[in-house]
């Protein structure tokens, strides 16, 4: 069972073998949607193992990268119908902060859930972020802030969205070590995800 093997290789975090197996599945004319489903099942199981303490953050990060490599092989074979994505979701780490592990994990998990992701990267100003929201007609914006000194940037993004008259059309979700739901609300966000898995659940609900 090639599909079963794809799911297991992702769980084993064997990136090289996974990429080979995805290519093998394509060569055998397996449906690209079935391959995507097998990858998604593996990623969901990784999430469960992380939540139960069986996997650690390092494994979650590696699984995200492994998934991304497999998707690069698969993407050209997804038809418009099969690859129809929800989103886009815009992700960025706020100005003054160069941390991106949490944001990158969230991005990988969202992609594996069939959601289009635009990642602006790190150290992004409020103006950059809001400009990207307008250009891509984004309805969900995810901001990461890992430093106490940068959480005020969340309020700056919120204010800039307001001054541009688009705040009401965008859901703003934030994440990062110094944050909580209370702080997130105080700085103008709609929601707070304590980790990438919760972030995915919140964002999926917003896009439904």
N, C-alpha and C. Protein backbone atom coordinates (compact mmCIF):
# COMPACT_ATOMS: atom_id res chain seq x y z
N UNK A 1 0.84 -1.21 0.00
CA UNK A 1 0.00 0.00 0.00
C UNK A 1 0.87 1.26 0.00
N UNK A 2 0.97 1.89 -1.16
CA UNK A 2 1.84 3.07 -1.29
C UNK A 2 1.34 4.22 -0.40
N UNK A 3 0.03 4.42 -0.38
CA UNK A 3 -0.53 5.55 0.40
C UNK A 3 -0.28 5.37 1.89
N UNK A 4 -0.43 4.13 2.35
CA UNK A 4 -0.16 3.83 3.76
C UNK A 4 1.30 4.13 4.09
N UNK A 5 2.16 3.77 3.15
CA UNK A 5 3.60 4.00 3.31
C UNK A 5 3.90 5.50 3.39
N UNK A 6 3.20 6.29 2.57
CA UNK A 6 3.39 7.75 2.59
C UNK A 6 3.07 8.32 3.97
N UNK A 7 1.93 7.90 4.52
CA UNK A 7 1.54 8.36 5.86
C UNK A 7 2.59 7.97 6.89
N UNK A 8 3.06 6.73 6.83
CA UNK A 8 4.03 6.23 7.81
C UNK A 8 5.39 6.93 7.69
N UNK A 9 5.82 7.18 6.45
CA UNK A 9 7.11 7.84 6.26
C UNK A 9 7.10 9.26 6.82
N UNK A 10 5.94 9.93 6.72
CA UNK A 10 5.83 11.25 7.31
C UNK A 10 5.90 11.16 8.84
N UNK A 11 5.25 10.14 9.40
CA UNK A 11 5.31 9.92 10.85
C UNK A 11 6.72 9.59 11.31
N UNK A 12 7.46 8.91 10.43
CA UNK A 12 8.85 8.55 10.76
C UNK A 12 9.82 9.69 10.48
N UNK A 13 9.29 10.78 9.90
CA UNK A 13 10.07 11.99 9.59
C UNK A 13 11.21 11.69 8.63
N UNK A 14 10.98 10.74 7.72
CA UNK A 14 11.98 10.35 6.74
C UNK A 14 11.72 11.10 5.44
N UNK A 15 12.26 12.31 5.37
CA UNK A 15 11.96 13.21 4.25
C UNK A 15 12.36 12.68 2.89
N UNK A 16 13.56 12.15 2.80
CA UNK A 16 14.07 11.67 1.51
C UNK A 16 13.21 10.53 0.98
N UNK A 17 12.94 9.56 1.85
CA UNK A 17 12.14 8.40 1.44
C UNK A 17 10.71 8.83 1.11
N UNK A 18 10.20 9.83 1.84
CA UNK A 18 8.83 10.31 1.60
C UNK A 18 8.70 10.93 0.22
N UNK A 19 9.66 11.79 -0.11
CA UNK A 19 9.65 12.44 -1.43
C UNK A 19 9.70 11.37 -2.54
N UNK A 20 10.55 10.37 -2.36
CA UNK A 20 10.67 9.28 -3.33
C UNK A 20 9.34 8.53 -3.46
N UNK A 21 8.70 8.29 -2.33
CA UNK A 21 7.45 7.52 -2.33
C UNK A 21 6.31 8.31 -2.98
N UNK A 22 6.28 9.62 -2.75
CA UNK A 22 5.27 10.46 -3.38
C UNK A 22 5.46 10.43 -4.90
N UNK A 23 6.72 10.51 -5.33
CA UNK A 23 7.01 10.44 -6.76
C UNK A 23 6.62 9.07 -7.32
N UNK A 24 6.90 8.02 -6.56
CA UNK A 24 6.53 6.65 -6.96
C UNK A 24 5.01 6.53 -7.12
N UNK A 25 4.28 7.11 -6.17
CA UNK A 25 2.81 7.08 -6.24
C UNK A 25 2.31 7.78 -7.50
N UNK A 26 2.94 8.90 -7.83
CA UNK A 26 2.56 9.64 -9.05
C UNK A 26 2.88 8.82 -10.30
N UNK A 27 4.04 8.18 -10.29
CA UNK A 27 4.44 7.33 -11.42
C UNK A 27 3.48 6.16 -11.62
N UNK A 28 2.87 5.73 -10.51
CA UNK A 28 1.92 4.61 -10.56
C UNK A 28 0.49 5.09 -10.87
N UNK A 29 0.39 6.40 -11.20
CA UNK A 29 -0.90 7.01 -11.55
C UNK A 29 -1.92 7.02 -10.42
N UNK A 30 -1.44 7.07 -9.18
CA UNK A 30 -2.37 7.23 -8.07
C UNK A 30 -2.91 8.67 -8.09
N UNK A 31 -4.13 8.84 -7.62
CA UNK A 31 -4.75 10.16 -7.60
C UNK A 31 -3.96 11.12 -6.70
N UNK A 32 -3.71 12.29 -7.25
CA UNK A 32 -2.97 13.28 -6.46
C UNK A 32 -3.74 13.66 -5.20
N UNK A 33 -5.07 13.61 -5.29
CA UNK A 33 -5.90 13.92 -4.12
C UNK A 33 -5.73 12.85 -3.05
N UNK A 34 -5.63 11.59 -3.46
CA UNK A 34 -5.41 10.50 -2.49
C UNK A 34 -4.05 10.63 -1.82
N UNK A 35 -3.06 11.05 -2.61
CA UNK A 35 -1.70 11.24 -2.05
C UNK A 35 -1.74 12.38 -1.03
N UNK A 36 -2.42 13.46 -1.39
CA UNK A 36 -2.55 14.61 -0.48
C UNK A 36 -3.25 14.19 0.81
N UNK A 37 -4.28 13.35 0.66
CA UNK A 37 -5.01 12.87 1.83
C UNK A 37 -4.10 12.04 2.74
N UNK A 38 -3.27 11.21 2.14
CA UNK A 38 -2.34 10.37 2.92
C UNK A 38 -1.34 11.23 3.69
N UNK A 39 -0.87 12.30 3.03
CA UNK A 39 0.05 13.23 3.70
C UNK A 39 -0.66 13.96 4.84
N UNK A 40 -1.88 14.40 4.59
CA UNK A 40 -2.65 15.14 5.60
C UNK A 40 -2.93 14.26 6.82
N UNK A 41 -3.25 13.00 6.57
CA UNK A 41 -3.49 12.06 7.68
C UNK A 41 -2.23 11.92 8.54
N UNK A 42 -1.08 11.85 7.86
CA UNK A 42 0.18 11.75 8.59
C UNK A 42 0.42 12.98 9.45
N UNK A 43 0.13 14.17 8.87
CA UNK A 43 0.35 15.42 9.60
C UNK A 43 -0.61 15.54 10.77
N UNK A 44 -1.83 15.08 10.59
CA UNK A 44 -2.81 15.12 11.69
C UNK A 44 -2.36 14.21 12.83
N UNK A 45 -1.80 13.06 12.48
CA UNK A 45 -1.31 12.13 13.51
C UNK A 45 -0.10 12.71 14.23
N UNK A 46 0.77 13.41 13.48
CA UNK A 46 1.91 14.09 14.09
C UNK A 46 1.39 15.08 15.14
N UNK A 47 0.34 15.84 14.77
CA UNK A 47 -0.26 16.81 15.69
C UNK A 47 -0.77 16.15 16.96
N UNK A 48 -1.43 15.00 16.80
CA UNK A 48 -1.95 14.27 17.96
C UNK A 48 -0.81 13.80 18.87
N UNK A 49 0.25 13.30 18.25
CA UNK A 49 1.40 12.82 19.04
C UNK A 49 2.10 13.97 19.76
N UNK A 50 2.10 15.14 19.12
CA UNK A 50 2.69 16.30 19.78
C UNK A 50 1.84 16.71 20.98
N UNK A 51 0.53 16.73 20.80
CA UNK A 51 -0.37 17.14 21.89
C UNK A 51 -0.33 16.16 23.05
N UNK A 52 -0.08 14.88 22.75
CA UNK A 52 -0.04 13.86 23.81
C UNK A 52 1.33 13.78 24.48
N UNK A 53 2.32 14.53 23.93
CA UNK A 53 3.65 14.51 24.53
C UNK A 53 4.57 13.44 23.96
N UNK A 54 4.06 12.67 22.99
CA UNK A 54 4.89 11.61 22.38
C UNK A 54 5.94 12.22 21.45
N UNK A 55 5.55 13.31 20.77
CA UNK A 55 6.49 14.06 19.93
C UNK A 55 6.77 15.40 20.60
N UNK A 56 7.97 15.94 20.34
CA UNK A 56 8.34 17.23 20.90
C UNK A 56 8.33 18.29 19.79
N UNK A 57 8.61 19.53 20.16
CA UNK A 57 8.59 20.64 19.20
C UNK A 57 9.51 20.36 18.01
N UNK A 58 10.68 19.78 18.28
CA UNK A 58 11.63 19.51 17.20
C UNK A 58 11.03 18.58 16.15
N UNK A 59 10.25 17.59 16.61
CA UNK A 59 9.62 16.66 15.67
C UNK A 59 8.51 17.35 14.88
N UNK A 60 7.78 18.25 15.55
CA UNK A 60 6.72 18.98 14.88
C UNK A 60 7.31 19.87 13.78
N UNK A 61 8.42 20.54 14.09
CA UNK A 61 9.11 21.38 13.11
C UNK A 61 9.57 20.54 11.92
N UNK A 62 10.22 19.42 12.23
CA UNK A 62 10.75 18.55 11.17
C UNK A 62 9.62 17.98 10.31
N UNK A 63 8.51 17.62 10.94
CA UNK A 63 7.37 17.08 10.20
C UNK A 63 6.84 18.14 9.23
N UNK A 64 6.79 19.38 9.68
CA UNK A 64 6.33 20.47 8.82
C UNK A 64 7.21 20.65 7.60
N UNK A 65 8.54 20.58 7.83
CA UNK A 65 9.49 20.72 6.72
C UNK A 65 9.40 19.53 5.78
N UNK A 66 9.24 18.33 6.36
CA UNK A 66 9.13 17.10 5.58
C UNK A 66 7.89 17.16 4.69
N UNK A 67 6.79 17.62 5.28
CA UNK A 67 5.53 17.75 4.56
C UNK A 67 5.69 18.74 3.40
N UNK A 68 6.38 19.84 3.67
CA UNK A 68 6.57 20.88 2.66
C UNK A 68 7.32 20.33 1.44
N UNK A 69 8.36 19.55 1.69
CA UNK A 69 9.15 18.96 0.60
C UNK A 69 8.30 18.01 -0.24
N UNK A 70 7.47 17.22 0.43
CA UNK A 70 6.59 16.27 -0.29
C UNK A 70 5.57 17.03 -1.13
N UNK A 71 5.04 18.14 -0.58
CA UNK A 71 4.04 18.93 -1.30
C UNK A 71 4.63 19.58 -2.55
N UNK A 72 5.92 19.92 -2.50
CA UNK A 72 6.57 20.51 -3.67
C UNK A 72 6.53 19.55 -4.86
N UNK A 73 6.68 18.25 -4.57
CA UNK A 73 6.62 17.23 -5.62
C UNK A 73 5.19 17.06 -6.12
N UNK A 74 4.25 17.16 -5.19
CA UNK A 74 2.85 16.88 -5.51
C UNK A 74 2.13 18.03 -6.20
N UNK A 75 2.46 19.26 -5.81
CA UNK A 75 1.71 20.44 -6.26
C UNK A 75 1.48 20.51 -7.77
N UNK A 76 2.48 20.29 -8.61
CA UNK A 76 2.25 20.42 -10.06
C UNK A 76 1.21 19.42 -10.59
N UNK A 77 0.91 18.39 -9.83
CA UNK A 77 0.00 17.34 -10.29
C UNK A 77 -1.43 17.51 -9.78
N UNK A 78 -1.62 18.50 -8.90
CA UNK A 78 -2.97 18.75 -8.39
C UNK A 78 -3.76 19.52 -9.43
N UNK A 79 -4.91 19.02 -9.82
CA UNK A 79 -5.75 19.74 -10.77
C UNK A 79 -6.39 20.92 -10.07
N UNK A 80 -6.98 21.78 -10.84
CA UNK A 80 -7.62 22.97 -10.24
C UNK A 80 -8.65 22.56 -9.20
N UNK A 81 -9.42 21.51 -9.52
CA UNK A 81 -10.47 21.07 -8.58
C UNK A 81 -9.85 20.47 -7.34
N UNK A 82 -8.83 19.61 -7.56
CA UNK A 82 -8.21 18.92 -6.42
C UNK A 82 -7.43 19.90 -5.55
N UNK A 83 -6.83 20.88 -6.22
CA UNK A 83 -5.99 21.80 -5.48
C UNK A 83 -6.72 23.03 -5.01
N UNK A 84 -8.04 23.05 -5.19
CA UNK A 84 -8.77 24.24 -4.80
C UNK A 84 -8.56 24.50 -3.32
N UNK A 85 -8.04 25.66 -3.05
CA UNK A 85 -7.63 25.96 -1.68
C UNK A 85 -8.52 27.01 -1.05
N UNK A 86 -8.54 26.97 0.26
CA UNK A 86 -9.20 28.03 1.01
C UNK A 86 -8.13 29.09 1.29
N UNK A 87 -8.59 30.27 1.61
CA UNK A 87 -7.63 31.32 1.93
C UNK A 87 -7.73 32.45 0.91
N UNK A 88 -6.66 33.22 0.76
CA UNK A 88 -5.37 33.00 1.40
C UNK A 88 -5.34 33.52 2.85
N UNK A 89 -4.40 32.95 3.60
CA UNK A 89 -4.09 33.41 4.95
C UNK A 89 -2.72 34.08 4.89
N UNK A 90 -2.62 35.24 5.48
CA UNK A 90 -1.33 35.96 5.50
C UNK A 90 -0.66 35.75 6.86
N UNK A 91 0.60 35.35 6.85
CA UNK A 91 1.36 35.16 8.08
C UNK A 91 2.57 36.10 8.09
N UNK A 92 2.89 36.62 9.26
CA UNK A 92 4.05 37.50 9.39
C UNK A 92 4.51 37.55 10.84
N UNK A 93 5.82 37.71 11.03
CA UNK A 93 6.36 38.03 12.36
C UNK A 93 6.52 39.54 12.40
N UNK A 94 6.09 40.15 13.49
CA UNK A 94 6.03 41.61 13.57
C UNK A 94 7.40 42.27 13.58
N UNK A 95 7.39 43.57 13.34
CA UNK A 95 8.61 44.37 13.28
C UNK A 95 9.42 44.25 14.57
N UNK A 96 10.73 44.09 14.43
CA UNK A 96 11.61 43.99 15.59
C UNK A 96 11.83 42.57 16.07
N UNK A 97 11.13 41.61 15.44
CA UNK A 97 11.23 40.21 15.87
C UNK A 97 11.64 39.35 14.68
N UNK A 98 12.70 38.56 14.87
CA UNK A 98 13.21 37.72 13.79
C UNK A 98 12.95 36.23 14.02
N UNK A 99 12.06 35.90 14.94
CA UNK A 99 11.73 34.49 15.20
C UNK A 99 10.70 33.99 14.19
N UNK A 100 10.89 32.79 13.70
CA UNK A 100 9.91 32.30 12.71
C UNK A 100 9.56 30.83 12.85
N UNK A 101 10.04 30.14 13.87
CA UNK A 101 9.76 28.70 13.97
C UNK A 101 8.26 28.44 14.10
N UNK A 102 7.62 29.12 15.05
CA UNK A 102 6.19 28.90 15.25
C UNK A 102 5.38 29.25 14.02
N UNK A 103 5.73 30.39 13.39
CA UNK A 103 5.04 30.83 12.18
C UNK A 103 5.22 29.80 11.06
N UNK A 104 6.43 29.28 10.94
CA UNK A 104 6.71 28.31 9.87
C UNK A 104 5.96 27.00 10.09
N UNK A 105 5.87 26.58 11.35
CA UNK A 105 5.11 25.35 11.64
C UNK A 105 3.64 25.58 11.28
N UNK A 106 3.11 26.72 11.70
CA UNK A 106 1.71 27.04 11.39
C UNK A 106 1.49 27.05 9.88
N UNK A 107 2.41 27.67 9.15
CA UNK A 107 2.29 27.73 7.70
C UNK A 107 2.26 26.35 7.07
N UNK A 108 3.15 25.47 7.53
CA UNK A 108 3.20 24.11 6.99
C UNK A 108 1.92 23.35 7.27
N UNK A 109 1.41 23.50 8.49
CA UNK A 109 0.17 22.80 8.86
C UNK A 109 -1.02 23.33 8.06
N UNK A 110 -1.05 24.63 7.83
CA UNK A 110 -2.14 25.21 7.04
C UNK A 110 -2.10 24.70 5.60
N UNK A 111 -0.90 24.67 5.03
CA UNK A 111 -0.75 24.18 3.65
C UNK A 111 -1.20 22.73 3.57
N UNK A 112 -0.83 21.94 4.58
CA UNK A 112 -1.21 20.52 4.57
C UNK A 112 -2.72 20.35 4.73
N UNK A 113 -3.39 21.39 5.24
CA UNK A 113 -4.85 21.35 5.39
C UNK A 113 -5.55 21.93 4.15
N UNK A 114 -4.77 22.22 3.10
CA UNK A 114 -5.35 22.72 1.86
C UNK A 114 -5.66 24.20 1.89
N UNK A 115 -4.93 24.94 2.71
CA UNK A 115 -5.16 26.38 2.83
C UNK A 115 -3.99 27.13 2.20
N UNK A 116 -4.31 28.09 1.36
CA UNK A 116 -3.26 28.88 0.72
C UNK A 116 -2.64 29.82 1.75
N UNK A 117 -1.31 29.86 1.77
CA UNK A 117 -0.58 30.68 2.75
C UNK A 117 0.34 31.66 2.03
N UNK A 118 0.27 32.91 2.44
CA UNK A 118 1.25 33.92 2.00
C UNK A 118 2.08 34.27 3.22
N UNK A 119 3.36 33.98 3.17
CA UNK A 119 4.24 34.21 4.31
C UNK A 119 5.14 35.41 4.03
N UNK A 120 4.94 36.49 4.78
CA UNK A 120 5.73 37.71 4.57
C UNK A 120 7.11 37.62 5.21
N UNK A 121 7.31 36.63 6.10
CA UNK A 121 8.60 36.49 6.76
C UNK A 121 8.65 37.18 8.11
N UNK A 122 9.84 37.65 8.49
CA UNK A 122 10.04 38.22 9.82
C UNK A 122 10.30 39.72 9.74
N UNK A 123 10.23 40.37 10.92
CA UNK A 123 10.55 41.80 11.03
C UNK A 123 9.72 42.64 10.06
N UNK A 124 8.39 42.37 10.03
CA UNK A 124 7.51 43.05 9.08
C UNK A 124 6.81 44.26 9.73
N UNK A 125 6.88 45.39 9.07
CA UNK A 125 6.23 46.58 9.60
C UNK A 125 4.72 46.50 9.40
N UNK A 126 4.00 47.29 10.17
CA UNK A 126 2.54 47.34 10.05
C UNK A 126 2.13 47.73 8.64
N UNK A 127 2.89 48.67 8.05
CA UNK A 127 2.57 49.14 6.70
C UNK A 127 2.74 48.02 5.67
N UNK A 128 3.83 47.26 5.79
CA UNK A 128 4.07 46.12 4.89
C UNK A 128 2.94 45.10 4.98
N UNK A 129 2.58 44.79 6.22
CA UNK A 129 1.55 43.77 6.47
C UNK A 129 0.21 44.20 5.89
N UNK A 130 -0.19 45.43 6.18
CA UNK A 130 -1.50 45.90 5.72
C UNK A 130 -1.53 46.04 4.20
N UNK A 131 -0.41 46.45 3.61
CA UNK A 131 -0.33 46.54 2.15
C UNK A 131 -0.55 45.16 1.53
N UNK A 132 0.05 44.13 2.12
CA UNK A 132 -0.10 42.75 1.62
C UNK A 132 -1.54 42.26 1.80
N UNK A 133 -2.16 42.64 2.92
CA UNK A 133 -3.57 42.28 3.15
C UNK A 133 -4.44 42.82 2.01
N UNK A 134 -4.17 44.07 1.62
CA UNK A 134 -4.96 44.70 0.56
C UNK A 134 -4.68 44.07 -0.81
N UNK A 135 -3.41 43.87 -1.11
CA UNK A 135 -3.03 43.31 -2.41
C UNK A 135 -3.64 41.93 -2.63
N UNK A 136 -3.59 41.08 -1.58
CA UNK A 136 -4.03 39.69 -1.72
C UNK A 136 -5.47 39.45 -1.27
N UNK A 137 -6.15 40.53 -0.87
CA UNK A 137 -7.54 40.42 -0.41
C UNK A 137 -7.66 39.36 0.70
N UNK A 138 -6.83 39.50 1.71
CA UNK A 138 -6.74 38.52 2.79
C UNK A 138 -7.87 38.71 3.79
N UNK A 139 -8.46 37.60 4.22
CA UNK A 139 -9.53 37.65 5.22
C UNK A 139 -9.06 37.18 6.60
N UNK A 140 -7.93 36.46 6.64
CA UNK A 140 -7.37 36.02 7.92
C UNK A 140 -5.89 36.39 7.96
N UNK A 141 -5.50 37.06 9.02
CA UNK A 141 -4.11 37.52 9.20
C UNK A 141 -3.57 36.93 10.49
N UNK A 142 -2.44 36.22 10.39
CA UNK A 142 -1.80 35.63 11.57
C UNK A 142 -0.49 36.33 11.86
N UNK A 143 -0.37 36.89 13.06
CA UNK A 143 0.86 37.59 13.46
C UNK A 143 1.56 36.84 14.57
N UNK A 144 2.89 36.78 14.48
CA UNK A 144 3.70 36.14 15.50
C UNK A 144 4.54 37.19 16.21
N UNK A 145 4.57 37.12 17.54
CA UNK A 145 5.41 38.00 18.34
C UNK A 145 5.99 37.19 19.49
N UNK A 146 7.29 36.95 19.44
CA UNK A 146 7.94 36.13 20.46
C UNK A 146 8.65 36.96 21.52
N UNK A 147 8.71 38.26 21.31
CA UNK A 147 9.41 39.14 22.25
C UNK A 147 8.42 40.10 22.90
N UNK A 148 8.55 40.26 24.21
CA UNK A 148 7.67 41.18 24.95
C UNK A 148 7.78 42.59 24.37
N UNK A 149 8.98 42.93 23.90
CA UNK A 149 9.21 44.29 23.39
C UNK A 149 8.52 44.55 22.05
N UNK A 150 8.00 43.51 21.40
CA UNK A 150 7.41 43.72 20.07
C UNK A 150 5.89 43.55 20.04
N UNK A 151 5.28 43.20 21.17
CA UNK A 151 3.83 42.94 21.10
C UNK A 151 3.01 44.19 20.80
N UNK A 152 3.58 45.37 21.08
CA UNK A 152 2.86 46.62 20.75
C UNK A 152 2.66 46.75 19.24
N UNK A 153 3.49 46.02 18.45
CA UNK A 153 3.34 46.05 16.99
C UNK A 153 1.98 45.49 16.56
N UNK A 154 1.44 44.58 17.37
CA UNK A 154 0.11 44.02 17.05
C UNK A 154 -0.92 45.15 17.03
N UNK A 155 -0.85 46.02 18.04
CA UNK A 155 -1.77 47.16 18.10
C UNK A 155 -1.55 48.08 16.91
N UNK A 156 -0.29 48.21 16.49
CA UNK A 156 0.03 49.08 15.35
C UNK A 156 -0.60 48.54 14.06
N UNK A 157 -0.53 47.22 13.90
CA UNK A 157 -1.15 46.59 12.72
C UNK A 157 -2.66 46.80 12.78
N UNK A 158 -3.24 46.57 13.95
CA UNK A 158 -4.68 46.75 14.14
C UNK A 158 -5.11 48.18 13.78
N UNK A 159 -4.34 49.16 14.27
CA UNK A 159 -4.66 50.57 14.00
C UNK A 159 -4.52 50.90 12.51
N UNK A 160 -3.50 50.32 11.88
CA UNK A 160 -3.28 50.59 10.45
C UNK A 160 -4.40 49.97 9.61
N UNK A 161 -4.85 48.79 9.99
CA UNK A 161 -6.00 48.17 9.31
C UNK A 161 -7.22 49.08 9.44
N UNK A 162 -7.41 49.65 10.64
CA UNK A 162 -8.55 50.54 10.87
C UNK A 162 -8.45 51.80 10.01
N UNK A 163 -7.24 52.40 10.00
CA UNK A 163 -7.08 53.66 9.26
C UNK A 163 -7.26 53.45 7.76
N UNK A 164 -7.03 52.21 7.31
CA UNK A 164 -7.23 51.89 5.88
C UNK A 164 -8.67 51.45 5.61
N UNK A 165 -9.48 51.37 6.66
CA UNK A 165 -10.89 51.04 6.51
C UNK A 165 -11.18 49.58 6.21
N UNK A 166 -10.23 48.68 6.56
CA UNK A 166 -10.44 47.26 6.24
C UNK A 166 -10.41 46.36 7.47
N UNK A 167 -10.35 46.94 8.66
CA UNK A 167 -10.24 46.12 9.87
C UNK A 167 -11.41 45.15 10.02
N UNK A 168 -12.61 45.59 9.70
CA UNK A 168 -13.80 44.75 9.92
C UNK A 168 -13.87 43.56 8.97
N UNK A 169 -13.10 43.60 7.89
CA UNK A 169 -13.15 42.50 6.92
C UNK A 169 -12.02 41.49 7.13
N UNK A 170 -11.20 41.71 8.16
CA UNK A 170 -10.05 40.82 8.41
C UNK A 170 -10.10 40.25 9.82
N UNK A 171 -9.91 38.94 9.94
CA UNK A 171 -9.79 38.31 11.26
C UNK A 171 -8.31 38.30 11.62
N UNK A 172 -7.98 38.84 12.79
CA UNK A 172 -6.59 38.94 13.22
C UNK A 172 -6.34 37.97 14.36
N UNK A 173 -5.49 36.98 14.09
CA UNK A 173 -5.12 35.99 15.11
C UNK A 173 -3.63 36.14 15.41
N UNK A 174 -3.28 36.04 16.69
CA UNK A 174 -1.88 36.23 17.08
C UNK A 174 -1.39 35.03 17.90
N UNK A 175 -0.06 34.87 17.91
CA UNK A 175 0.54 33.81 18.70
C UNK A 175 1.95 34.19 19.10
N UNK A 176 2.44 33.58 20.18
CA UNK A 176 3.79 33.85 20.65
C UNK A 176 3.86 33.74 22.16
N UNK A 177 5.05 33.47 22.64
CA UNK A 177 5.27 33.19 24.07
C UNK A 177 4.73 34.25 25.03
N UNK A 178 4.91 35.55 24.76
CA UNK A 178 4.47 36.54 25.76
C UNK A 178 2.97 36.82 25.73
N UNK A 179 2.25 36.17 24.81
CA UNK A 179 0.84 36.51 24.61
C UNK A 179 -0.11 35.58 25.36
N UNK A 180 -1.32 36.07 25.53
CA UNK A 180 -2.43 35.28 26.07
C UNK A 180 -3.68 35.85 25.39
N UNK A 181 -4.82 35.22 25.61
CA UNK A 181 -6.05 35.74 25.01
C UNK A 181 -6.32 37.16 25.52
N UNK A 182 -6.09 37.36 26.79
CA UNK A 182 -6.35 38.68 27.39
C UNK A 182 -5.48 39.76 26.74
N UNK A 183 -4.19 39.46 26.59
CA UNK A 183 -3.26 40.44 25.99
C UNK A 183 -3.61 40.65 24.51
N UNK A 184 -3.93 39.53 23.83
CA UNK A 184 -4.28 39.61 22.40
C UNK A 184 -5.45 40.57 22.20
N UNK A 185 -6.48 40.43 23.02
CA UNK A 185 -7.67 41.29 22.91
C UNK A 185 -7.31 42.75 23.23
N UNK A 186 -6.46 42.90 24.23
CA UNK A 186 -6.05 44.25 24.65
C UNK A 186 -5.36 45.00 23.51
N UNK A 187 -4.61 44.25 22.68
CA UNK A 187 -3.88 44.87 21.58
C UNK A 187 -4.66 44.86 20.27
N UNK A 188 -5.93 44.44 20.32
CA UNK A 188 -6.80 44.57 19.17
C UNK A 188 -7.00 43.34 18.32
N UNK A 189 -6.44 42.19 18.74
CA UNK A 189 -6.60 40.96 17.95
C UNK A 189 -7.97 40.33 18.20
N UNK A 190 -8.42 39.51 17.26
CA UNK A 190 -9.68 38.79 17.41
C UNK A 190 -9.51 37.50 18.19
N UNK A 191 -8.30 36.91 18.08
CA UNK A 191 -8.11 35.60 18.69
C UNK A 191 -6.64 35.34 18.96
N UNK A 192 -6.40 34.31 19.78
CA UNK A 192 -5.04 33.93 20.18
C UNK A 192 -4.91 32.42 20.11
N UNK A 193 -3.84 31.96 19.48
CA UNK A 193 -3.56 30.52 19.44
C UNK A 193 -2.34 30.21 20.28
N UNK A 194 -2.51 29.32 21.26
CA UNK A 194 -1.38 29.04 22.16
C UNK A 194 -0.27 28.25 21.46
N UNK A 195 -0.63 27.55 20.38
CA UNK A 195 0.38 26.86 19.59
C UNK A 195 -0.13 26.75 18.15
N UNK A 196 0.71 26.18 17.28
CA UNK A 196 0.37 26.11 15.85
C UNK A 196 -0.88 25.27 15.60
N UNK A 197 -1.06 24.20 16.37
CA UNK A 197 -2.22 23.33 16.16
C UNK A 197 -3.52 24.06 16.47
N UNK A 198 -3.50 24.83 17.55
CA UNK A 198 -4.70 25.61 17.88
C UNK A 198 -4.92 26.70 16.84
N UNK A 199 -3.82 27.26 16.36
CA UNK A 199 -3.90 28.27 15.30
C UNK A 199 -4.60 27.74 14.07
N UNK A 200 -4.25 26.51 13.68
CA UNK A 200 -4.88 25.88 12.51
C UNK A 200 -6.38 25.73 12.73
N UNK A 201 -6.76 25.26 13.93
CA UNK A 201 -8.18 25.05 14.22
C UNK A 201 -8.96 26.37 14.13
N UNK A 202 -8.38 27.43 14.69
CA UNK A 202 -9.05 28.74 14.68
C UNK A 202 -9.18 29.25 13.25
N UNK A 203 -8.09 29.16 12.50
CA UNK A 203 -8.08 29.69 11.13
C UNK A 203 -9.04 28.91 10.23
N UNK A 204 -9.05 27.58 10.40
CA UNK A 204 -9.98 26.76 9.59
C UNK A 204 -11.43 27.17 9.88
N UNK A 205 -11.72 27.40 11.14
CA UNK A 205 -13.09 27.81 11.51
C UNK A 205 -13.44 29.15 10.87
N UNK A 206 -12.48 30.08 10.83
CA UNK A 206 -12.73 31.39 10.21
C UNK A 206 -12.98 31.25 8.71
N UNK A 207 -12.32 30.28 8.08
CA UNK A 207 -12.44 30.13 6.63
C UNK A 207 -13.63 29.29 6.19
N UNK A 208 -14.26 28.60 7.15
CA UNK A 208 -15.42 27.75 6.79
C UNK A 208 -16.57 28.59 6.27
